[in-house]
Amino acid sequence: MLLIQIILPFILLLVQAQTGSYTLKQDLEKDLKQLSTTSVFIDDNTSASPSVQTIAHDLQLFGVIASIDLTNSKYSQSSNGKHTVQQWQFPEGSIKTITQIETSINLDTVVTQRYLENRAPTQHRIQNKFTFRTYAVSTSDGLQHLYYMTEAEQGLLEYRTGDRRVQVNYPEKKEGLSDILPKVEQDVSNVLSAMLKQ
């Protein structure tokens, strides 16, 4: 029994090293829980009246992706600047790859706020830590069909299914998020485009 207690942690580490750390399921659960308790503004390019219920329905598809067995996939991990990229490639089936990109940013910047009134501009220092996780699924036709981006504390930011794009905005945004999100999205897009070409 003692031998099993000693060997088991090493076996678990070996299995995790071969399959990576796939966190979509945990992020979905966290984000759905957060959406159920927070009022949000939803921008949906296919609906004039989107709701949290439609988001919850859409995310069932990501729940299926989160439960895929990765043991028969080819796993790879790399770093690209602030991005840690994990990818699972499938030799058979309609799903070609699942890519998970974790982006860690320590923001330390000064922003100048200007006012319409006759007040002098003020400077405001922003210090914050961000952990973005982006998931992308490409299929055997070489296209990226599913995309999901979340931030560890803020929650779900955006998802795409085919041509549909849904963005989630929070009334209380994490300080500095608006300043760095466009750059993070562009960087992640560049990383994914480079990987699709491989």
C-alpha atoms as a PDB file:
ATOM      1  CA  MET A   1       0.000   0.000   0.000  1.00  0.00           C
ATOM      2  CA  LEU A   2       2.861   2.355   0.842  1.00  0.00           C
ATOM      3  CA  LEU A   3       4.414   1.666  -2.562  1.00  0.00           C
ATOM      4  CA  ILE A   4       1.179   2.735  -4.303  1.00  0.00           C
ATOM      5  CA  GLN A   5       1.093   5.961  -2.277  1.00  0.00           C
ATOM      6  CA  ILE A   6       4.661   6.730  -3.346  1.00  0.00           C
ATOM      7  CA  ILE A   7       4.324   5.804  -7.038  1.00  0.00           C
ATOM      8  CA  LEU A   8       0.823   7.188  -7.724  1.00  0.00           C
ATOM      9  CA  PRO A   9       1.818  10.908  -7.639  1.00  0.00           C
ATOM     10  CA  PHE A  10       4.623  10.233 -10.136  1.00  0.00           C
ATOM     11  CA  ILE A  11       2.254   8.401 -12.486  1.00  0.00           C
ATOM     12  CA  LEU A  12      -0.240  11.269 -12.287  1.00  0.00           C
ATOM     13  CA  LEU A  13       2.525  13.778 -13.075  1.00  0.00           C
ATOM     14  CA  LEU A  14       3.608  11.685 -16.064  1.00  0.00           C
ATOM     15  CA  VAL A  15       0.049  11.468 -17.423  1.00  0.00           C
ATOM     16  CA  GLN A  16      -0.445  15.226 -16.944  1.00  0.00           C
ATOM     17  CA  ALA A  17       2.849  15.952 -18.732  1.00  0.00           C
ATOM     18  CA  GLN A  18       1.653  13.947 -21.736  1.00  0.00           C
ATOM     19  CA  THR A  19      -1.806  15.551 -21.913  1.00  0.00           C
ATOM     20  CA  GLY A  20      -1.081  19.043 -20.563  1.00  0.00           C
ATOM     21  CA  SER A  21      -3.416  21.047 -18.390  1.00  0.00           C
ATOM     22  CA  TYR A  22      -6.707  21.509 -20.269  1.00  0.00           C
ATOM     23  CA  THR A  23      -8.762  24.037 -18.272  1.00  0.00           C
ATOM     24  CA  LEU A  24     -11.776  24.784 -20.506  1.00  0.00           C
ATOM     25  CA  LYS A  25     -14.211  22.884 -18.262  1.00  0.00           C
ATOM     26  CA  GLN A  26     -13.165  24.841 -15.151  1.00  0.00           C
ATOM     27  CA  ASP A  27     -13.338  28.155 -17.023  1.00  0.00           C
ATOM     28  CA  LEU A  28     -16.813  27.379 -18.384  1.00  0.00           C
ATOM     29  CA  GLU A  29     -18.109  26.513 -14.922  1.00  0.00           C
ATOM     30  CA  LYS A  30     -16.579  29.668 -13.413  1.00  0.00           C
ATOM     31  CA  ASP A  31     -17.879  31.920 -16.200  1.00  0.00           C
ATOM     32  CA  LEU A  32     -21.420  30.501 -16.206  1.00  0.00           C
ATOM     33  CA  LYS A  33     -21.627  30.917 -12.437  1.00  0.00           C
ATOM     34  CA  GLN A  34     -20.396  34.504 -12.728  1.00  0.00           C
ATOM     35  CA  LEU A  35     -22.843  35.319 -15.547  1.00  0.00           C
ATOM     36  CA  SER A  36     -25.742  34.031 -13.447  1.00  0.00           C
ATOM     37  CA  THR A  37     -24.973  36.556 -10.683  1.00  0.00           C
ATOM     38  CA  THR A  38     -23.814  39.599 -12.691  1.00  0.00           C
ATOM     39  CA  SER A  39     -25.686  41.869 -15.065  1.00  0.00           C
ATOM     40  CA  VAL A  40     -23.759  42.246 -18.320  1.00  0.00           C
ATOM     41  CA  PHE A  41     -24.011  44.027 -21.658  1.00  0.00           C
ATOM     42  CA  ILE A  42     -24.032  41.577 -24.563  1.00  0.00           C
ATOM     43  CA  ASP A  43     -23.020  42.427 -28.119  1.00  0.00           C
ATOM     44  CA  ASP A  44     -24.143  39.682 -30.519  1.00  0.00           C
ATOM     45  CA  ASN A  45     -23.621  40.192 -34.253  1.00  0.00           C
ATOM     46  CA  THR A  46     -26.529  37.835 -35.068  1.00  0.00           C
ATOM     47  CA  SER A  47     -29.192  38.885 -32.564  1.00  0.00           C
ATOM     48  CA  ALA A  48     -30.870  42.158 -31.632  1.00  0.00           C
ATOM     49  CA  SER A  49     -31.919  40.814 -28.229  1.00  0.00           C
ATOM     50  CA  PRO A  50     -29.217  38.551 -26.825  1.00  0.00           C
ATOM     51  CA  SER A  51     -29.505  37.302 -23.257  1.00  0.00           C
ATOM     52  CA  VAL A  52     -27.560  35.374 -20.648  1.00  0.00           C
ATOM     53  CA  GLN A  53     -29.878  32.432 -21.416  1.00  0.00           C
ATOM     54  CA  THR A  54     -28.785  32.392 -25.076  1.00  0.00           C
ATOM     55  CA  ILE A  55     -25.150  32.521 -23.941  1.00  0.00           C
ATOM     56  CA  ALA A  56     -25.714  29.593 -21.568  1.00  0.00           C
ATOM     57  CA  HIS A  57     -27.320  27.660 -24.429  1.00  0.00           C
ATOM     58  CA  ASP A  58     -24.446  28.456 -26.802  1.00  0.00           C
ATOM     59  CA  LEU A  59     -21.846  27.433 -24.245  1.00  0.00           C
ATOM     60  CA  GLN A  60     -23.227  23.889 -24.175  1.00  0.00           C
ATOM     61  CA  LEU A  61     -21.256  23.362 -27.394  1.00  0.00           C
ATOM     62  CA  PHE A  62     -18.074  24.428 -25.595  1.00  0.00           C
ATOM     63  CA  GLY A  63     -19.044  22.033 -22.804  1.00  0.00           C
ATOM     64  CA  VAL A  64     -18.899  19.193 -25.332  1.00  0.00           C
ATOM     65  CA  ILE A  65     -15.425  20.360 -26.418  1.00  0.00           C
ATOM     66  CA  ALA A  66     -14.364  20.580 -22.760  1.00  0.00           C
ATOM     67  CA  SER A  67     -15.239  16.920 -22.197  1.00  0.00           C
ATOM     68  CA  ILE A  68     -13.299  15.502 -25.171  1.00  0.00           C
ATOM     69  CA  ASP A  69     -10.920  12.692 -24.256  1.00  0.00           C
ATOM     70  CA  LEU A  70      -7.408  13.974 -24.975  1.00  0.00           C
ATOM     71  CA  THR A  71      -5.509  10.733 -24.335  1.00  0.00           C
ATOM     72  CA  ASN A  72      -5.358   9.818 -28.054  1.00  0.00           C
ATOM     73  CA  SER A  73      -4.216  13.273 -29.147  1.00  0.00           C
ATOM     74  CA  LYS A  74      -0.705  14.494 -29.898  1.00  0.00           C
ATOM     75  CA  TYR A  75       0.178  17.107 -27.288  1.00  0.00           C
ATOM     76  CA  SER A  76       2.607  19.994 -27.704  1.00  0.00           C
ATOM     77  CA  GLN A  77       3.477  23.053 -25.636  1.00  0.00           C
ATOM     78  CA  SER A  78       5.415  26.184 -26.526  1.00  0.00           C
ATOM     79  CA  SER A  79       5.955  29.735 -25.337  1.00  0.00           C
ATOM     80  CA  ASN A  80       5.515  32.842 -27.441  1.00  0.00           C
ATOM     81  CA  GLY A  81       6.321  35.995 -25.463  1.00  0.00           C
ATOM     82  CA  LYS A  82       3.652  36.352 -22.769  1.00  0.00           C
ATOM     83  CA  HIS A  83       1.694  33.436 -24.226  1.00  0.00           C
ATOM     84  CA  THR A  84       1.904  29.794 -23.170  1.00  0.00           C
ATOM     85  CA  VAL A  85       0.452  27.739 -26.001  1.00  0.00           C
ATOM     86  CA  GLN A  86      -0.812  24.190 -25.530  1.00  0.00           C
ATOM     87  CA  GLN A  87      -2.179  22.235 -28.444  1.00  0.00           C
ATOM     88  CA  TRP A  88      -3.840  18.874 -28.858  1.00  0.00           C
ATOM     89  CA  GLN A  89      -3.906  17.434 -32.389  1.00  0.00           C
ATOM     90  CA  PHE A  90      -6.250  14.630 -33.374  1.00  0.00           C
ATOM     91  CA  PRO A  91      -5.269  12.253 -36.190  1.00  0.00           C
ATOM     92  CA  GLU A  92      -8.878  11.212 -36.864  1.00  0.00           C
ATOM     93  CA  GLY A  93     -12.311  12.785 -36.676  1.00  0.00           C
ATOM     94  CA  SER A  94     -13.721  16.174 -37.609  1.00  0.00           C
ATOM     95  CA  ILE A  95     -11.796  18.093 -34.917  1.00  0.00           C
ATOM     96  CA  LYS A  96      -8.223  18.711 -36.042  1.00  0.00           C
ATOM     97  CA  THR A  97      -6.823  20.715 -33.120  1.00  0.00           C
ATOM     98  CA  ILE A  98      -7.749  22.241 -29.790  1.00  0.00           C
ATOM     99  CA  THR A  99      -5.494  25.139 -28.856  1.00  0.00           C
ATOM    100  CA  GLN A 100      -5.302  26.720 -25.410  1.00  0.00           C
ATOM    101  CA  ILE A 101      -3.394  29.984 -25.020  1.00  0.00           C
ATOM    102  CA  GLU A 102      -2.702  31.407 -21.576  1.00  0.00           C
ATOM    103  CA  THR A 103      -1.574  35.027 -21.550  1.00  0.00           C
ATOM    104  CA  SER A 104      -0.209  36.546 -18.344  1.00  0.00           C
ATOM    105  CA  ILE A 105       0.254  40.306 -18.106  1.00  0.00           C
ATOM    106  CA  ASN A 106       1.384  42.480 -15.217  1.00  0.00           C
ATOM    107  CA  LEU A 107       0.071  45.910 -16.123  1.00  0.00           C
ATOM    108  CA  ASP A 108       1.821  48.969 -14.734  1.00  0.00           C
ATOM    109  CA  THR A 109       0.947  52.100 -16.686  1.00  0.00           C
ATOM    110  CA  VAL A 110      -0.110  55.699 -16.325  1.00  0.00           C
ATOM    111  CA  VAL A 111      -3.155  56.972 -18.206  1.00  0.00           C
ATOM    112  CA  THR A 112      -4.086  60.605 -18.746  1.00  0.00           C
ATOM    113  CA  GLN A 113      -7.749  61.447 -18.324  1.00  0.00           C
ATOM    114  CA  ARG A 114      -9.014  64.498 -20.184  1.00  0.00           C
ATOM    115  CA  TYR A 115     -12.285  66.207 -19.388  1.00  0.00           C
ATOM    116  CA  LEU A 116     -14.752  68.190 -21.483  1.00  0.00           C
ATOM    117  CA  GLU A 117     -15.066  70.774 -18.740  1.00  0.00           C
ATOM    118  CA  ASN A 118     -12.354  73.349 -18.167  1.00  0.00           C
ATOM    119  CA  ARG A 119     -10.422  71.068 -15.847  1.00  0.00           C
ATOM    120  CA  ALA A 120      -6.794  70.159 -16.269  1.00  0.00           C
ATOM    121  CA  PRO A 121      -6.047  66.579 -17.405  1.00  0.00           C
ATOM    122  CA  THR A 122      -5.211  64.183 -14.579  1.00  0.00           C
ATOM    123  CA  GLN A 123      -2.898  61.208 -14.566  1.00  0.00           C
ATOM    124  CA  HIS A 124      -3.888  57.915 -13.034  1.00  0.00           C
ATOM    125  CA  ARG A 125      -1.599  54.956 -12.395  1.00  0.00           C
ATOM    126  CA  ILE A 126      -2.995  51.496 -13.122  1.00  0.00           C
ATOM    127  CA  GLN A 127      -1.382  48.374 -11.693  1.00  0.00           C
ATOM    128  CA  ASN A 128      -3.102  45.046 -12.201  1.00  0.00           C
ATOM    129  CA  LYS A 129      -2.462  41.410 -13.061  1.00  0.00           C
ATOM    130  CA  PHE A 130      -4.335  39.653 -15.860  1.00  0.00           C
ATOM    131  CA  THR A 131      -4.538  36.012 -16.855  1.00  0.00           C
ATOM    132  CA  PHE A 132      -6.343  35.488 -20.149  1.00  0.00           C
ATOM    133  CA  ARG A 133      -7.146  32.032 -21.468  1.00  0.00           C
ATOM    134  CA  THR A 134      -8.195  31.564 -25.058  1.00  0.00           C
ATOM    135  CA  TYR A 135      -9.457  28.321 -26.565  1.00  0.00           C
ATOM    136  CA  ALA A 136      -9.720  27.711 -30.301  1.00  0.00           C
ATOM    137  CA  VAL A 137     -10.963  24.642 -32.135  1.00  0.00           C
ATOM    138  CA  SER A 138     -10.097  24.012 -35.768  1.00  0.00           C
ATOM    139  CA  THR A 139     -11.669  21.307 -37.863  1.00  0.00           C
ATOM    140  CA  SER A 140     -10.439  19.017 -40.618  1.00  0.00           C
ATOM    141  CA  ASP A 141     -11.322  21.640 -43.265  1.00  0.00           C
ATOM    142  CA  GLY A 142      -8.571  23.844 -41.767  1.00  0.00           C
ATOM    143  CA  LEU A 143     -10.925  26.522 -40.425  1.00  0.00           C
ATOM    144  CA  GLN A 144     -11.245  27.809 -36.891  1.00  0.00           C
ATOM    145  CA  HIS A 145     -14.880  27.229 -35.925  1.00  0.00           C
ATOM    146  CA  LEU A 146     -14.935  27.783 -32.179  1.00  0.00           C
ATOM    147  CA  TYR A 147     -13.223  30.484 -30.108  1.00  0.00           C
ATOM    148  CA  TYR A 148     -13.546  31.302 -26.415  1.00  0.00           C
ATOM    149  CA  MET A 149     -11.708  33.990 -24.421  1.00  0.00           C
ATOM    150  CA  THR A 150     -11.921  34.515 -20.678  1.00  0.00           C
ATOM    151  CA  GLU A 151     -10.009  36.407 -18.008  1.00  0.00           C
ATOM    152  CA  ALA A 152      -9.406  34.681 -14.675  1.00  0.00           C
ATOM    153  CA  GLU A 153     -11.132  37.339 -12.528  1.00  0.00           C
ATOM    154  CA  GLN A 154     -13.337  39.233 -14.988  1.00  0.00           C
ATOM    155  CA  GLY A 155     -14.882  36.193 -16.664  1.00  0.00           C
ATOM    156  CA  LEU A 156     -16.057  35.470 -20.196  1.00  0.00           C
ATOM    157  CA  LEU A 157     -15.062  38.209 -22.644  1.00  0.00           C
ATOM    158  CA  GLU A 158     -15.908  36.786 -26.053  1.00  0.00           C
ATOM    159  CA  TYR A 159     -16.831  33.641 -27.917  1.00  0.00           C
ATOM    160  CA  ARG A 160     -17.337  32.755 -31.556  1.00  0.00           C
ATOM    161  CA  THR A 161     -19.140  29.902 -33.236  1.00  0.00           C
ATOM    162  CA  GLY A 162     -18.639  30.008 -36.992  1.00  0.00           C
ATOM    163  CA  ASP A 163     -19.649  33.515 -38.148  1.00  0.00           C
ATOM    164  CA  ARG A 164     -21.346  34.371 -34.858  1.00  0.00           C
ATOM    165  CA  ARG A 165     -19.432  36.658 -32.486  1.00  0.00           C
ATOM    166  CA  VAL A 166     -20.626  37.451 -28.964  1.00  0.00           C
ATOM    167  CA  GLN A 167     -18.818  39.942 -26.737  1.00  0.00           C
ATOM    168  CA  VAL A 168     -19.576  40.361 -23.043  1.00  0.00           C
ATOM    169  CA  ASN A 169     -19.020  43.692 -21.265  1.00  0.00           C
ATOM    170  CA  TYR A 170     -19.245  44.183 -17.536  1.00  0.00           C
ATOM    171  CA  PRO A 171     -20.544  47.307 -15.791  1.00  0.00           C
ATOM    172  CA  GLU A 172     -17.629  47.023 -13.355  1.00  0.00           C
ATOM    173  CA  LYS A 173     -14.604  46.295 -15.494  1.00  0.00           C
ATOM    174  CA  LYS A 174     -11.354  45.125 -14.014  1.00  0.00           C
ATOM    175  CA  GLU A 175      -9.110  48.188 -13.937  1.00  0.00           C
ATOM    176  CA  GLY A 176      -6.898  48.343 -17.016  1.00  0.00           C
ATOM    177  CA  LEU A 177      -8.827  45.716 -18.994  1.00  0.00           C
ATOM    178  CA  SER A 178     -10.008  48.183 -21.648  1.00  0.00           C
ATOM    179  CA  ASP A 179      -6.440  49.402 -22.098  1.00  0.00           C
ATOM    180  CA  ILE A 180      -4.876  46.020 -22.839  1.00  0.00           C
ATOM    181  CA  LEU A 181      -7.673  43.860 -24.268  1.00  0.00           C
ATOM    182  CA  PRO A 182      -7.390  45.016 -27.934  1.00  0.00           C
ATOM    183  CA  LYS A 183      -3.637  44.282 -27.948  1.00  0.00           C
ATOM    184  CA  VAL A 184      -4.117  40.881 -26.284  1.00  0.00           C
ATOM    185  CA  GLU A 185      -6.823  39.954 -28.813  1.00  0.00           C
ATOM    186  CA  GLN A 186      -4.557  40.954 -31.704  1.00  0.00           C
ATOM    187  CA  ASP A 187      -1.592  39.014 -30.290  1.00  0.00           C
ATOM    188  CA  VAL A 188      -3.718  35.896 -29.734  1.00  0.00           C
ATOM    189  CA  SER A 189      -5.123  36.205 -33.254  1.00  0.00           C
ATOM    190  CA  ASN A 190      -1.578  36.373 -34.648  1.00  0.00           C
ATOM    191  CA  VAL A 191      -0.514  33.283 -32.673  1.00  0.00           C
ATOM    192  CA  LEU A 192      -3.574  31.322 -33.878  1.00  0.00           C
ATOM    193  CA  SER A 193      -3.071  32.415 -37.504  1.00  0.00           C
ATOM    194  CA  ALA A 194       0.556  31.275 -37.382  1.00  0.00           C
ATOM    195  CA  MET A 195      -0.478  27.906 -35.949  1.00  0.00           C
ATOM    196  CA  LEU A 196      -3.173  27.355 -38.598  1.00  0.00           C
ATOM    197  CA  LYS A 197      -0.535  27.806 -41.288  1.00  0.00           C
ATOM    198  CA  GLN A 198       1.677  25.079 -39.844  1.00  0.00           C
END
